[in-house]
Amino acid sequence: MICSAQISLYPLRQAHLGPAIESVRATFAAHGLQAEVGPMSTVVVGDAGTIFAALADAFDKAAQIGQAVMTVTVSNACPIERQPADRRRE
């Protein structure tokens, strides 16, 4: 089943936020998922099993760096097909 997931990672009590956040992006890439990184969250689209395995792995890697909170929304109803920008408004 194809799903989308929106993920936000909040590193806690860490001097530098980048390493934990980058570890999550790199983990998605290692699982073959293309992450669309935004200013407040990241979105991935793919097979549900792949997404859930990547999420578990990503949280584990981020937690090894330091304390963190990860919020995730998963949906099988809103994977957005890639269309030209002018077609999205129709």
C-alpha atoms as a PDB file:
ATOM      1  CA  MET A   1       0.000   0.000   0.000  1.00  0.00           C
ATOM      2  CA  ILE A   2       1.322   3.451  -0.908  1.00  0.00           C
ATOM      3  CA  CYS A   3       1.293   5.961   1.941  1.00  0.00           C
ATOM      4  CA  SER A   4       2.660   9.363   2.761  1.00  0.00           C
ATOM      5  CA  ALA A   5       4.205  10.354   6.066  1.00  0.00           C
ATOM      6  CA  GLN A   6       4.877  13.805   7.467  1.00  0.00           C
ATOM      7  CA  ILE A   7       7.618  13.751  10.089  1.00  0.00           C
ATOM      8  CA  SER A   8       8.924  16.376  12.498  1.00  0.00           C
ATOM      9  CA  LEU A   9      11.928  15.711  14.713  1.00  0.00           C
ATOM     10  CA  TYR A  10      12.631  17.868  17.740  1.00  0.00           C
ATOM     11  CA  PRO A  11      16.101  17.269  19.238  1.00  0.00           C
ATOM     12  CA  LEU A  12      16.027  18.092  22.954  1.00  0.00           C
ATOM     13  CA  ARG A  13      18.823  19.458  25.148  1.00  0.00           C
ATOM     14  CA  GLN A  14      21.337  19.351  22.280  1.00  0.00           C
ATOM     15  CA  ALA A  15      23.788  22.107  21.451  1.00  0.00           C
ATOM     16  CA  HIS A  16      23.407  21.446  17.717  1.00  0.00           C
ATOM     17  CA  LEU A  17      20.122  20.366  16.110  1.00  0.00           C
ATOM     18  CA  GLY A  18      21.490  19.515  12.666  1.00  0.00           C
ATOM     19  CA  PRO A  19      23.109  16.123  13.325  1.00  0.00           C
ATOM     20  CA  ALA A  20      19.919  14.471  14.609  1.00  0.00           C
ATOM     21  CA  ILE A  21      17.794  15.955  11.840  1.00  0.00           C
ATOM     22  CA  GLU A  22      20.315  14.990   9.161  1.00  0.00           C
ATOM     23  CA  SER A  23      20.440  11.433  10.531  1.00  0.00           C
ATOM     24  CA  VAL A  24      16.692  11.118   9.878  1.00  0.00           C
ATOM     25  CA  ARG A  25      17.018  12.388   6.291  1.00  0.00           C
ATOM     26  CA  ALA A  26      19.948  10.058   5.634  1.00  0.00           C
ATOM     27  CA  THR A  27      18.020   7.096   7.057  1.00  0.00           C
ATOM     28  CA  PHE A  28      15.101   7.733   4.710  1.00  0.00           C
ATOM     29  CA  ALA A  29      17.548   7.843   1.789  1.00  0.00           C
ATOM     30  CA  ALA A  30      19.138   4.572   2.945  1.00  0.00           C
ATOM     31  CA  HIS A  31      15.668   2.991   2.830  1.00  0.00           C
ATOM     32  CA  GLY A  32      15.165   4.267  -0.726  1.00  0.00           C
ATOM     33  CA  LEU A  33      12.721   7.041   0.224  1.00  0.00           C
ATOM     34  CA  GLN A  34      13.033  10.503  -1.280  1.00  0.00           C
ATOM     35  CA  ALA A  35      12.520  13.003   1.537  1.00  0.00           C
ATOM     36  CA  GLU A  36      11.012  16.389   0.773  1.00  0.00           C
ATOM     37  CA  VAL A  37      12.545  18.453   3.556  1.00  0.00           C
ATOM     38  CA  GLY A  38      10.663  21.575   4.609  1.00  0.00           C
ATOM     39  CA  PRO A  39      11.320  24.173   7.299  1.00  0.00           C
ATOM     40  CA  MET A  40       9.187  22.396   9.927  1.00  0.00           C
ATOM     41  CA  SER A  41       8.685  18.846   8.642  1.00  0.00           C
ATOM     42  CA  THR A  42       9.723  16.259   6.105  1.00  0.00           C
ATOM     43  CA  VAL A  43       7.417  14.302   3.807  1.00  0.00           C
ATOM     44  CA  VAL A  44       8.083  10.878   2.306  1.00  0.00           C
ATOM     45  CA  VAL A  45       5.894   8.788   0.007  1.00  0.00           C
ATOM     46  CA  GLY A  46       6.290   5.067  -0.497  1.00  0.00           C
ATOM     47  CA  ASP A  47       5.283   1.582   0.483  1.00  0.00           C
ATOM     48  CA  ALA A  48       3.830   1.457   4.008  1.00  0.00           C
ATOM     49  CA  GLY A  49       6.217  -1.277   5.144  1.00  0.00           C
ATOM     50  CA  THR A  50       9.221   0.677   3.925  1.00  0.00           C
ATOM     51  CA  ILE A  51       8.013   3.866   5.590  1.00  0.00           C
ATOM     52  CA  PHE A  52       7.372   2.220   8.965  1.00  0.00           C
ATOM     53  CA  ALA A  53      10.737   0.425   8.906  1.00  0.00           C
ATOM     54  CA  ALA A  54      12.490   3.691   8.009  1.00  0.00           C
ATOM     55  CA  LEU A  55      10.667   5.564  10.787  1.00  0.00           C
ATOM     56  CA  ALA A  56      11.768   3.038  13.419  1.00  0.00           C
ATOM     57  CA  ASP A  57      15.339   3.131  12.140  1.00  0.00           C
ATOM     58  CA  ALA A  58      15.351   6.946  11.903  1.00  0.00           C
ATOM     59  CA  PHE A  59      14.100   7.425  15.452  1.00  0.00           C
ATOM     60  CA  ASP A  60      16.638   4.927  16.767  1.00  0.00           C
ATOM     61  CA  LYS A  61      19.492   6.775  15.042  1.00  0.00           C
ATOM     62  CA  ALA A  62      18.272  10.206  16.219  1.00  0.00           C
ATOM     63  CA  ALA A  63      17.874   8.901  19.789  1.00  0.00           C
ATOM     64  CA  GLN A  64      21.463   7.631  19.752  1.00  0.00           C
ATOM     65  CA  ILE A  65      22.576  11.232  19.181  1.00  0.00           C
ATOM     66  CA  GLY A  66      20.502  12.567  22.073  1.00  0.00           C
ATOM     67  CA  GLN A  67      17.015  12.998  23.447  1.00  0.00           C
ATOM     68  CA  ALA A  68      14.383  13.705  20.801  1.00  0.00           C
ATOM     69  CA  VAL A  69      10.684  13.867  20.074  1.00  0.00           C
ATOM     70  CA  MET A  70       9.390  12.647  16.714  1.00  0.00           C
ATOM     71  CA  THR A  71       5.869  13.378  15.523  1.00  0.00           C
ATOM     72  CA  VAL A  72       4.498  11.451  12.549  1.00  0.00           C
ATOM     73  CA  THR A  73       1.304  11.576  10.532  1.00  0.00           C
ATOM     74  CA  VAL A  74       0.759   8.678   8.121  1.00  0.00           C
ATOM     75  CA  SER A  75      -1.978   8.547   5.517  1.00  0.00           C
ATOM     76  CA  ASN A  76      -3.041   6.231   2.736  1.00  0.00           C
ATOM     77  CA  ALA A  77      -5.500   8.899   1.559  1.00  0.00           C
ATOM     78  CA  CYS A  78      -3.196  11.750   0.658  1.00  0.00           C
ATOM     79  CA  PRO A  79      -0.161  10.697  -1.281  1.00  0.00           C
ATOM     80  CA  ILE A  80       0.033  13.545  -3.781  1.00  0.00           C
ATOM     81  CA  GLU A  81       0.772  12.654  -7.366  1.00  0.00           C
ATOM     82  CA  ARG A  82       3.473  14.799  -8.871  1.00  0.00           C
ATOM     83  CA  GLN A  83       1.872  17.204 -11.326  1.00  0.00           C
ATOM     84  CA  PRO A  84       2.982  20.470 -12.887  1.00  0.00           C
ATOM     85  CA  ALA A  85       2.303  23.400 -10.546  1.00  0.00           C
ATOM     86  CA  ASP A  86      -0.399  24.865 -12.813  1.00  0.00           C
ATOM     87  CA  ARG A  87      -2.364  21.568 -12.759  1.00  0.00           C
ATOM     88  CA  ARG A  88      -2.425  21.392  -8.932  1.00  0.00           C
ATOM     89  CA  ARG A  89      -4.779  24.351  -8.724  1.00  0.00           C
ATOM     90  CA  GLU A  90      -7.531  22.723 -10.806  1.00  0.00           C
END
